[in-house]
C-alpha atoms as a PDB file:
ATOM      1  CA  MET A   1     -40.000 -46.829  24.942  1.00  0.00           C
ATOM      2  CA  ILE A   2     -43.726 -47.524  24.672  1.00  0.00           C
ATOM      3  CA  THR A   3     -45.590 -46.036  21.700  1.00  0.00           C
ATOM      4  CA  LEU A   4     -49.003 -44.410  21.774  1.00  0.00           C
ATOM      5  CA  SER A   5     -50.686 -47.330  19.993  1.00  0.00           C
ATOM      6  CA  GLU A   6     -49.069 -49.816  22.390  1.00  0.00           C
ATOM      7  CA  ALA A   7     -50.246 -47.772  25.383  1.00  0.00           C
ATOM      8  CA  ILE A   8     -53.815 -47.671  24.070  1.00  0.00           C
ATOM      9  CA  LYS A   9     -53.809 -51.475  23.696  1.00  0.00           C
ATOM     10  CA  GLU A  10     -52.399 -51.860  27.208  1.00  0.00           C
ATOM     11  CA  PHE A  11     -55.035 -49.497  28.607  1.00  0.00           C
ATOM     12  CA  ALA A  12     -57.787 -51.610  27.020  1.00  0.00           C
ATOM     13  CA  LYS A  13     -56.532 -54.644  28.987  1.00  0.00           C
ATOM     14  CA  GLN A  14     -56.767 -52.870  32.351  1.00  0.00           C
ATOM     15  CA  THR A  15     -59.618 -53.297  34.821  1.00  0.00           C
ATOM     16  CA  TYR A  16     -60.886 -50.194  36.608  1.00  0.00           C
ATOM     17  CA  ASP A  17     -63.558 -49.329  39.122  1.00  0.00           C
ATOM     18  CA  THR A  18     -66.281 -47.649  37.109  1.00  0.00           C
ATOM     19  CA  VAL A  19     -69.052 -45.226  37.973  1.00  0.00           C
ATOM     20  CA  LYS A  20     -72.589 -46.325  37.163  1.00  0.00           C
ATOM     21  CA  VAL A  21     -74.754 -43.426  36.016  1.00  0.00           C
ATOM     22  CA  LYS A  22     -78.457 -43.086  35.388  1.00  0.00           C
ATOM     23  CA  GLY A  23     -79.340 -45.447  32.560  1.00  0.00           C
ATOM     24  CA  GLY A  24     -77.218 -48.308  33.941  1.00  0.00           C
ATOM     25  CA  LYS A  25     -74.001 -47.714  31.987  1.00  0.00           C
ATOM     26  CA  ASN A  26     -70.553 -47.733  33.550  1.00  0.00           C
ATOM     27  CA  TYR A  27     -67.896 -45.125  32.860  1.00  0.00           C
ATOM     28  CA  ILE A  28     -64.175 -45.013  33.626  1.00  0.00           C
ATOM     29  CA  GLN A  29     -63.407 -41.928  35.678  1.00  0.00           C
ATOM     30  CA  VAL A  30     -61.103 -39.231  34.315  1.00  0.00           C
ATOM     31  CA  LYS A  31     -58.677 -39.550  37.238  1.00  0.00           C
ATOM     32  CA  ASP A  32     -58.028 -43.216  36.432  1.00  0.00           C
ATOM     33  CA  ARG A  33     -57.393 -42.534  32.764  1.00  0.00           C
ATOM     34  CA  LEU A  34     -55.158 -39.578  33.606  1.00  0.00           C
ATOM     35  CA  ASN A  35     -53.160 -41.642  36.118  1.00  0.00           C
ATOM     36  CA  PHE A  36     -52.624 -44.389  33.535  1.00  0.00           C
ATOM     37  CA  VAL A  37     -51.346 -41.897  30.964  1.00  0.00           C
ATOM     38  CA  ARG A  38     -48.968 -40.234  33.412  1.00  0.00           C
ATOM     39  CA  GLU A  39     -47.652 -43.542  34.792  1.00  0.00           C
ATOM     40  CA  THR A  40     -47.188 -44.943  31.286  1.00  0.00           C
ATOM     41  CA  PHE A  41     -45.455 -42.008  29.629  1.00  0.00           C
ATOM     42  CA  GLY A  42     -43.925 -40.162  32.571  1.00  0.00           C
ATOM     43  CA  GLU A  43     -42.267 -36.883  31.610  1.00  0.00           C
ATOM     44  CA  ARG A  44     -42.855 -37.594  27.926  1.00  0.00           C
ATOM     45  CA  VAL A  45     -46.498 -36.521  28.295  1.00  0.00           C
ATOM     46  CA  SER A  46     -47.937 -33.104  29.076  1.00  0.00           C
ATOM     47  CA  ILE A  47     -51.611 -32.355  29.783  1.00  0.00           C
ATOM     48  CA  ARG A  48     -52.223 -28.638  29.304  1.00  0.00           C
ATOM     49  CA  THR A  49     -55.468 -26.831  30.101  1.00  0.00           C
ATOM     50  CA  THR A  50     -56.558 -23.270  29.463  1.00  0.00           C
ATOM     51  CA  THR A  51     -59.718 -21.602  30.707  1.00  0.00           C
ATOM     52  CA  LYS A  52     -61.761 -18.568  29.809  1.00  0.00           C
ATOM     53  CA  ASP A  53     -64.715 -17.198  31.746  1.00  0.00           C
ATOM     54  CA  ALA A  54     -66.728 -14.424  30.127  1.00  0.00           C
ATOM     55  CA  ASN A  55     -70.183 -13.257  31.146  1.00  0.00           C
ATOM     56  CA  GLY A  56     -70.735 -16.338  33.293  1.00  0.00           C
ATOM     57  CA  LEU A  57     -69.896 -18.786  30.490  1.00  0.00           C
ATOM     58  CA  ALA A  58     -66.866 -20.912  31.328  1.00  0.00           C
ATOM     59  CA  GLU A  59     -64.876 -22.431  28.454  1.00  0.00           C
ATOM     60  CA  PHE A  60     -62.169 -25.061  28.906  1.00  0.00           C
ATOM     61  CA  HIS A  61     -59.591 -26.339  26.439  1.00  0.00           C
ATOM     62  CA  CYS A  62     -57.261 -29.272  27.074  1.00  0.00           C
ATOM     63  CA  GLU A  63     -54.336 -30.520  25.005  1.00  0.00           C
ATOM     64  CA  MET A  64     -52.367 -33.743  25.317  1.00  0.00           C
ATOM     65  CA  TRP A  65     -48.762 -33.541  24.105  1.00  0.00           C
ATOM     66  CA  LEU A  66     -46.538 -36.599  23.767  1.00  0.00           C
ATOM     67  CA  ASP A  67     -42.861 -36.253  22.858  1.00  0.00           C
ATOM     68  CA  ASP A  68     -43.574 -32.597  21.983  1.00  0.00           C
ATOM     69  CA  LYS A  69     -46.309 -33.594  19.509  1.00  0.00           C
ATOM     70  CA  LEU A  70     -49.951 -32.572  19.883  1.00  0.00           C
ATOM     71  CA  ILE A  71     -51.907 -35.835  20.178  1.00  0.00           C
ATOM     72  CA  ALA A  72     -55.472 -34.699  20.975  1.00  0.00           C
ATOM     73  CA  THR A  73     -57.606 -31.871  22.287  1.00  0.00           C
ATOM     74  CA  GLY A  74     -60.792 -31.682  24.324  1.00  0.00           C
ATOM     75  CA  ASN A  75     -63.230 -28.865  24.999  1.00  0.00           C
ATOM     76  CA  SER A  76     -66.021 -28.075  27.421  1.00  0.00           C
ATOM     77  CA  LYS A  77     -68.311 -25.108  27.770  1.00  0.00           C
ATOM     78  CA  GLU A  78     -70.833 -24.555  30.543  1.00  0.00           C
ATOM     79  CA  VAL A  79     -72.503 -21.798  32.516  1.00  0.00           C
ATOM     80  CA  SER A  80     -70.357 -21.135  35.586  1.00  0.00           C
ATOM     81  CA  VAL A  81     -72.283 -21.793  38.817  1.00  0.00           C
ATOM     82  CA  GLY A  82     -69.559 -22.037  41.435  1.00  0.00           C
ATOM     83  CA  GLU A  83     -65.979 -23.074  42.050  1.00  0.00           C
ATOM     84  CA  LYS A  84     -66.601 -26.836  42.302  1.00  0.00           C
ATOM     85  CA  TYR A  85     -68.696 -26.838  39.138  1.00  0.00           C
ATOM     86  CA  TYR A  86     -65.895 -24.932  37.406  1.00  0.00           C
ATOM     87  CA  GLU A  87     -63.398 -27.610  38.426  1.00  0.00           C
ATOM     88  CA  LYS A  88     -65.750 -30.376  37.291  1.00  0.00           C
ATOM     89  CA  GLN A  89     -66.121 -28.895  33.822  1.00  0.00           C
ATOM     90  CA  GLU A  90     -62.357 -28.615  33.484  1.00  0.00           C
ATOM     91  CA  SER A  91     -62.218 -32.361  34.215  1.00  0.00           C
ATOM     92  CA  VAL A  92     -64.751 -32.889  31.421  1.00  0.00           C
ATOM     93  CA  ALA A  93     -62.381 -31.179  28.957  1.00  0.00           C
ATOM     94  CA  VAL A  94     -59.493 -33.353  30.175  1.00  0.00           C
ATOM     95  CA  GLY A  95     -61.657 -36.470  29.870  1.00  0.00           C
ATOM     96  CA  ARG A  96     -62.629 -35.643  26.306  1.00  0.00           C
ATOM     97  CA  CYS A  97     -59.022 -35.015  25.387  1.00  0.00           C
ATOM     98  CA  LEU A  98     -57.908 -38.367  26.815  1.00  0.00           C
ATOM     99  CA  ALA A  99     -60.792 -40.113  25.069  1.00  0.00           C
ATOM    100  CA  PHE A 100     -59.891 -38.611  21.693  1.00  0.00           C
ATOM    101  CA  ALA A 101     -56.313 -39.787  22.279  1.00  0.00           C
ATOM    102  CA  GLY A 102     -57.640 -43.332  22.697  1.00  0.00           C
ATOM    103  CA  PHE A 103     -57.873 -43.637  26.476  1.00  0.00           C
ATOM    104  CA  ALA A 104     -61.572 -44.271  27.091  1.00  0.00           C
ATOM    105  CA  GLY A 105     -63.964 -47.114  27.740  1.00  0.00           C
ATOM    106  CA  THR A 106     -66.776 -47.853  25.330  1.00  0.00           C
ATOM    107  CA  GLU A 107     -67.935 -44.230  25.531  1.00  0.00           C
ATOM    108  CA  LEU A 108     -66.217 -40.865  25.125  1.00  0.00           C
ATOM    109  CA  ALA A 109     -68.107 -39.099  27.897  1.00  0.00           C
ATOM    110  CA  SER A 110     -66.742 -38.921  31.425  1.00  0.00           C
ATOM    111  CA  ALA A 111     -68.836 -40.099  34.362  1.00  0.00           C
ATOM    112  CA  ASP A 112     -69.552 -36.540  35.529  1.00  0.00           C
ATOM    113  CA  GLU A 113     -70.343 -35.395  32.021  1.00  0.00           C
ATOM    114  CA  MET A 114     -72.692 -38.272  31.310  1.00  0.00           C
ATOM    115  CA  GLN A 115     -74.519 -37.889  34.626  1.00  0.00           C
ATOM    116  CA  ASN A 116     -75.086 -34.190  33.930  1.00  0.00           C
ATOM    117  CA  PHE A 117     -76.287 -34.995  30.431  1.00  0.00           C
ATOM    118  CA  LEU A 118     -78.772 -37.618  31.624  1.00  0.00           C
ATOM    119  CA  ASN A 119     -80.040 -35.399  34.445  1.00  0.00           C
ATOM    120  CA  ASN A 120     -80.747 -32.637  31.958  1.00  0.00           C
ATOM    121  CA  GLN A 121     -83.032 -34.900  29.937  1.00  0.00           C
ATOM    122  CA  THR A 122     -85.799 -34.335  32.503  1.00  0.00           C
ATOM    123  CA  LYS A 123     -85.631 -30.558  32.133  1.00  0.00           C
ATOM    124  CA  PRO A 124     -88.045 -28.695  29.826  1.00  0.00           C
ATOM    125  CA  ILE A 125     -86.714 -28.072  26.350  1.00  0.00           C
ATOM    126  CA  ALA A 126     -85.555 -24.493  26.046  1.00  0.00           C
ATOM    127  CA  LYS A 127     -86.915 -22.198  23.365  1.00  0.00           C
ATOM    128  CA  PRO A 128     -84.877 -22.142  20.162  1.00  0.00           C
ATOM    129  CA  ASN A 129     -81.817 -19.922  20.360  1.00  0.00           C
ATOM    130  CA  PRO A 130     -82.345 -16.744  18.333  1.00  0.00           C
ATOM    131  CA  ASN A 131     -78.683 -16.913  17.305  1.00  0.00           C
ATOM    132  CA  ALA A 132     -79.226 -20.129  15.359  1.00  0.00           C
ATOM    133  CA  LYS A 133     -76.292 -19.614  12.996  1.00  0.00           C
ATOM    134  CA  ALA A 134     -73.869 -19.069  15.885  1.00  0.00           C
ATOM    135  CA  VAL A 135     -75.128 -22.226  17.582  1.00  0.00           C
ATOM    136  CA  ALA A 136     -74.773 -24.149  14.322  1.00  0.00           C
ATOM    137  CA  ASP A 137     -71.191 -22.975  13.822  1.00  0.00           C
ATOM    138  CA  GLU A 138     -70.276 -23.883  17.406  1.00  0.00           C
ATOM    139  CA  PHE A 139     -71.723 -27.375  16.894  1.00  0.00           C
ATOM    140  CA  LEU A 140     -69.766 -27.790  13.664  1.00  0.00           C
ATOM    141  CA  LYS A 141     -66.559 -26.719  15.404  1.00  0.00           C
ATOM    142  CA  TYR A 142     -66.983 -29.443  18.037  1.00  0.00           C
ATOM    143  CA  LEU A 143     -67.941 -31.969  15.358  1.00  0.00           C
ATOM    144  CA  SER A 144     -64.828 -31.119  13.373  1.00  0.00           C
ATOM    145  CA  GLU A 145     -62.684 -31.736  16.475  1.00  0.00           C
ATOM    146  CA  ALA A 146     -64.357 -35.114  16.957  1.00  0.00           C
ATOM    147  CA  ALA A 147     -63.708 -36.048  13.332  1.00  0.00           C
ATOM    148  CA  LYS A 148     -60.074 -35.037  13.629  1.00  0.00           C
ATOM    149  CA  TYR A 149     -59.237 -37.025  16.735  1.00  0.00           C
ATOM    150  CA  SER A 150     -61.670 -39.972  16.858  1.00  0.00           C
ATOM    151  CA  ARG A 151     -59.968 -43.347  16.613  1.00  0.00           C
ATOM    152  CA  SER A 152     -62.988 -45.138  15.121  1.00  0.00           C
ATOM    153  CA  VAL A 153     -66.214 -44.370  13.270  1.00  0.00           C
ATOM    154  CA  GLY A 154     -68.160 -45.669  16.274  1.00  0.00           C
ATOM    155  CA  SER A 155     -66.557 -43.268  18.724  1.00  0.00           C
ATOM    156  CA  TYR A 156     -67.110 -40.389  16.303  1.00  0.00           C
ATOM    157  CA  GLU A 157     -70.799 -41.259  15.899  1.00  0.00           C
ATOM    158  CA  THR A 158     -71.227 -41.412  19.689  1.00  0.00           C
ATOM    159  CA  GLN A 159     -69.722 -37.972  20.094  1.00  0.00           C
ATOM    160  CA  LYS A 160     -71.721 -36.563  17.177  1.00  0.00           C
ATOM    161  CA  GLN A 161     -75.028 -37.717  18.651  1.00  0.00           C
ATOM    162  CA  LYS A 162     -74.119 -36.206  22.005  1.00  0.00           C
ATOM    163  CA  PHE A 163     -73.234 -32.867  20.433  1.00  0.00           C
ATOM    164  CA  MET A 164     -76.479 -32.865  18.414  1.00  0.00           C
ATOM    165  CA  THR A 165     -78.420 -33.244  21.662  1.00  0.00           C
ATOM    166  CA  GLU A 166     -76.383 -30.645  23.556  1.00  0.00           C
ATOM    167  CA  PHE A 167     -76.780 -28.028  20.831  1.00  0.00           C
ATOM    168  CA  LYS A 168     -80.424 -29.007  20.083  1.00  0.00           C
ATOM    169  CA  ILE A 169     -79.646 -29.308  16.392  1.00  0.00           C
ATOM    170  CA  MET A 170     -82.855 -31.171  15.547  1.00  0.00           C
ATOM    171  CA  ASP A 171     -84.865 -28.220  16.933  1.00  0.00           C
ATOM    172  CA  LEU A 172     -83.538 -26.170  14.015  1.00  0.00           C
ATOM    173  CA  LYS A 173     -85.414 -28.385  11.561  1.00  0.00           C
ATOM    174  CA  ASP A 174     -88.664 -26.643  12.531  1.00  0.00           C
ATOM    175  CA  SER A 175     -87.453 -23.330  13.957  1.00  0.00           C
ATOM    176  CA  ASP A 176     -84.861 -22.452  11.307  1.00  0.00           C
ATOM    177  CA  PRO A 177     -84.962 -24.801   8.278  1.00  0.00           C
ATOM    178  CA  SER A 178     -82.323 -22.890   6.309  1.00  0.00           C
ATOM    179  CA  THR A 179     -79.792 -23.122   9.141  1.00  0.00           C
ATOM    180  CA  PHE A 180     -80.675 -26.794   9.608  1.00  0.00           C
ATOM    181  CA  GLU A 181     -79.879 -27.455   5.937  1.00  0.00           C
ATOM    182  CA  TYR A 182     -76.629 -25.537   6.336  1.00  0.00           C
ATOM    183  CA  VAL A 183     -75.675 -27.767   9.271  1.00  0.00           C
ATOM    184  CA  LYS A 184     -76.603 -30.927   7.333  1.00  0.00           C
ATOM    185  CA  GLN A 185     -74.375 -29.994   4.406  1.00  0.00           C
ATOM    186  CA  LYS A 186     -71.398 -29.022   6.551  1.00  0.00           C
ATOM    187  CA  ALA A 187     -71.815 -32.062   8.813  1.00  0.00           C
ATOM    188  CA  GLN A 188     -71.844 -34.356   5.777  1.00  0.00           C
ATOM    189  CA  GLN A 189     -68.522 -32.906   4.664  1.00  0.00           C
ATOM    190  CA  ILE A 190     -67.101 -33.503   8.153  1.00  0.00           C
ATOM    191  CA  ASN A 191     -68.492 -37.061   8.184  1.00  0.00           C
ATOM    192  CA  GLU A 192     -66.583 -37.818   5.007  1.00  0.00           C
ATOM    193  CA  GLN A 193     -63.332 -36.771   6.696  1.00  0.00           C
ATOM    194  CA  VAL A 194     -63.670 -39.372   9.432  1.00  0.00           C
ATOM    195  CA  THR A 195     -62.827 -42.501   7.450  1.00  0.00           C
ATOM    196  CA  THR A 196     -59.983 -40.686   5.689  1.00  0.00           C
ATOM    197  CA  ASN A 197     -58.469 -39.545   9.001  1.00  0.00           C
ATOM    198  CA  ILE A 198     -58.837 -42.950  10.647  1.00  0.00           C
ATOM    199  CA  ASN A 199     -57.218 -44.721   7.696  1.00  0.00           C
ATOM    200  CA  ALA A 200     -54.384 -42.192   7.660  1.00  0.00           C
ATOM    201  CA  ASN A 201     -53.635 -42.840  11.347  1.00  0.00           C
ATOM    202  CA  LYS A 202     -53.472 -46.621  11.063  1.00  0.00           C
END
């Protein structure tokens, strides 16, 4: 019976068709990673998703269970703008979950997620959110998840930088210095957990 670590090593040997996104990088699609996991583990694995849509903001949570043990989670939150977009964001949550479990390429983002992220770089920067503390706490929640499930310091740092951009954390440095300092202190504590968690999982 194949173990999780053996499956991750086997996945790394596979060759997949990738999607090239703006910026020239290639990403393994979620469907290919999901198919590998299901074919490898069969009925031993369960991918569970839950959704919540309130006031036009869709939230998605995905869990990967193997042999009745929670292996990893993934989250996504976006403004709901139609059924297909809703489905796409659910795939983003699944992709993050699989990536945290160890089934990813060189990046944690899915192809759809990365394309959306790069497209948004051309949009004007929004005004600072008046609920800076709430934004900061949401960022720290995502960062804590990344620290808990990342398999390497490199993958954690990639995810951290992406979250910092998504939540516009650096904007707080000028708009709300006290909240920015709060985020720095909490993030440092989370950073220190990463090496400990990775060593514990070896």
